[in-house]
Amino acid sequence: MSSIDSVDIIRTMLKNDGAYPGDPPCSAIYRYVNMWGGTTFKVCYNAREEDNFIINGCYNSYCLLFRNGELTEEGRLLVGN
């Protein structure tokens, strides 16, 4: 599981079905508000990581990419589709 602050990196991953060039594809991407009030993205590489992220709670989180590789409405808005 990774935390990423770069919108450009996340856009690249969303456009490439959850993969950044040279890295393995992820299973889900979430956008959330971090403890300092900024926007951060959580990149989960398997279902267990995603479940841990959801169970441990996160304020104002929105799924951008589902486990099946489908973009959510939030994901489409970020990409610009």
C-alpha atoms as a PDB file:
ATOM      1  CA  MET A   1       0.000   0.000   0.000  1.00  0.00           C
ATOM      2  CA  SER A   2       1.320   3.440  -0.916  1.00  0.00           C
ATOM      3  CA  SER A   3       0.341   6.999  -0.104  1.00  0.00           C
ATOM      4  CA  ILE A   4       0.853   9.431  -2.975  1.00  0.00           C
ATOM      5  CA  ASP A   5       0.357  13.198  -2.993  1.00  0.00           C
ATOM      6  CA  SER A   6       0.939  13.770  -6.722  1.00  0.00           C
ATOM      7  CA  VAL A   7      -2.249  14.214  -8.757  1.00  0.00           C
ATOM      8  CA  ASP A   8      -0.225  13.728 -11.958  1.00  0.00           C
ATOM      9  CA  ILE A   9       1.009  10.289 -10.874  1.00  0.00           C
ATOM     10  CA  ILE A  10      -2.524   9.235  -9.942  1.00  0.00           C
ATOM     11  CA  ARG A  11      -3.908  10.502 -13.268  1.00  0.00           C
ATOM     12  CA  THR A  12      -1.275   8.448 -15.094  1.00  0.00           C
ATOM     13  CA  MET A  13      -2.242   5.371 -13.086  1.00  0.00           C
ATOM     14  CA  LEU A  14      -5.962   5.892 -13.699  1.00  0.00           C
ATOM     15  CA  LYS A  15      -5.372   6.286 -17.448  1.00  0.00           C
ATOM     16  CA  ASN A  16      -3.304   3.050 -17.470  1.00  0.00           C
ATOM     17  CA  ASP A  17      -5.771   0.772 -15.648  1.00  0.00           C
ATOM     18  CA  GLY A  18      -4.114   1.298 -12.257  1.00  0.00           C
ATOM     19  CA  ALA A  19      -0.507   0.885 -13.361  1.00  0.00           C
ATOM     20  CA  TYR A  20       2.352   3.390 -13.362  1.00  0.00           C
ATOM     21  CA  PRO A  21       5.040   2.681 -15.985  1.00  0.00           C
ATOM     22  CA  GLY A  22       7.480   0.165 -14.533  1.00  0.00           C
ATOM     23  CA  ASP A  23       5.280  -0.718 -11.536  1.00  0.00           C
ATOM     24  CA  PRO A  24       2.746  -3.521 -11.068  1.00  0.00           C
ATOM     25  CA  PRO A  25      -0.942  -2.612 -11.456  1.00  0.00           C
ATOM     26  CA  CYS A  26      -2.837  -1.759  -8.297  1.00  0.00           C
ATOM     27  CA  SER A  27      -6.207  -3.119  -7.252  1.00  0.00           C
ATOM     28  CA  ALA A  28      -7.760   0.133  -5.988  1.00  0.00           C
ATOM     29  CA  ILE A  29      -7.053   3.839  -5.561  1.00  0.00           C
ATOM     30  CA  TYR A  30      -8.697   6.081  -2.976  1.00  0.00           C
ATOM     31  CA  ARG A  31      -8.591   9.844  -2.534  1.00  0.00           C
ATOM     32  CA  TYR A  32      -8.817  11.062   1.051  1.00  0.00           C
ATOM     33  CA  VAL A  33      -8.200  14.021   3.322  1.00  0.00           C
ATOM     34  CA  ASN A  34      -5.028  13.502   5.363  1.00  0.00           C
ATOM     35  CA  MET A  35      -4.558  14.579   8.990  1.00  0.00           C
ATOM     36  CA  TRP A  36      -3.192  17.975   7.892  1.00  0.00           C
ATOM     37  CA  GLY A  37      -6.242  18.705   5.741  1.00  0.00           C
ATOM     38  CA  GLY A  38      -4.562  18.017   2.391  1.00  0.00           C
ATOM     39  CA  THR A  39      -5.538  15.577  -0.333  1.00  0.00           C
ATOM     40  CA  THR A  40      -3.661  12.287  -0.481  1.00  0.00           C
ATOM     41  CA  PHE A  41      -4.211   9.144  -2.544  1.00  0.00           C
ATOM     42  CA  LYS A  42      -4.008   5.605  -1.166  1.00  0.00           C
ATOM     43  CA  VAL A  43      -2.887   2.998  -3.693  1.00  0.00           C
ATOM     44  CA  CYS A  44      -3.755  -0.582  -2.690  1.00  0.00           C
ATOM     45  CA  TYR A  45      -2.114  -3.521  -4.454  1.00  0.00           C
ATOM     46  CA  ASN A  46      -4.364  -6.292  -3.140  1.00  0.00           C
ATOM     47  CA  ALA A  47      -7.712  -6.825  -1.437  1.00  0.00           C
ATOM     48  CA  ARG A  48      -6.166  -7.189   2.032  1.00  0.00           C
ATOM     49  CA  GLU A  49      -4.515  -3.756   1.818  1.00  0.00           C
ATOM     50  CA  GLU A  50      -7.769  -2.214   0.646  1.00  0.00           C
ATOM     51  CA  ASP A  51      -9.735  -3.880   3.444  1.00  0.00           C
ATOM     52  CA  ASN A  52      -7.218  -2.644   6.041  1.00  0.00           C
ATOM     53  CA  PHE A  53      -7.490   0.893   4.686  1.00  0.00           C
ATOM     54  CA  ILE A  54     -11.293   0.807   4.845  1.00  0.00           C
ATOM     55  CA  ILE A  55     -11.503  -0.934   8.248  1.00  0.00           C
ATOM     56  CA  ASN A  56      -9.036   1.421   9.919  1.00  0.00           C
ATOM     57  CA  GLY A  57     -11.171   4.307   8.759  1.00  0.00           C
ATOM     58  CA  CYS A  58     -10.349   7.346   6.783  1.00  0.00           C
ATOM     59  CA  TYR A  59     -12.151  10.649   6.702  1.00  0.00           C
ATOM     60  CA  ASN A  60     -13.689  11.849   3.464  1.00  0.00           C
ATOM     61  CA  SER A  61     -12.370   9.003   1.328  1.00  0.00           C
ATOM     62  CA  TYR A  62     -13.568   8.414  -2.234  1.00  0.00           C
ATOM     63  CA  CYS A  63     -12.816   5.384  -4.378  1.00  0.00           C
ATOM     64  CA  LEU A  64     -11.344   6.301  -7.780  1.00  0.00           C
ATOM     65  CA  LEU A  65     -10.581   2.825  -9.147  1.00  0.00           C
ATOM     66  CA  PHE A  66     -12.464  -0.370  -8.207  1.00  0.00           C
ATOM     67  CA  ARG A  67     -10.878  -3.805  -7.787  1.00  0.00           C
ATOM     68  CA  ASN A  68     -12.172  -4.819 -11.212  1.00  0.00           C
ATOM     69  CA  GLY A  69     -10.258  -1.955 -12.857  1.00  0.00           C
ATOM     70  CA  GLU A  70     -13.336   0.179 -13.490  1.00  0.00           C
ATOM     71  CA  LEU A  71     -13.096   3.919 -12.867  1.00  0.00           C
ATOM     72  CA  THR A  72     -15.663   5.442 -10.543  1.00  0.00           C
ATOM     73  CA  GLU A  73     -17.331   8.776 -11.272  1.00  0.00           C
ATOM     74  CA  GLU A  74     -14.714  10.442  -9.017  1.00  0.00           C
ATOM     75  CA  GLY A  75     -11.965   8.731 -11.027  1.00  0.00           C
ATOM     76  CA  ARG A  76     -13.439   9.854 -14.356  1.00  0.00           C
ATOM     77  CA  LEU A  77     -13.635  13.438 -13.084  1.00  0.00           C
ATOM     78  CA  LEU A  78      -9.982  13.393 -12.026  1.00  0.00           C
ATOM     79  CA  VAL A  79      -8.875  12.003 -15.386  1.00  0.00           C
ATOM     80  CA  GLY A  80     -11.072  14.468 -17.242  1.00  0.00           C
ATOM     81  CA  ASN A  81     -13.445  12.030 -18.974  1.00  0.00           C
END
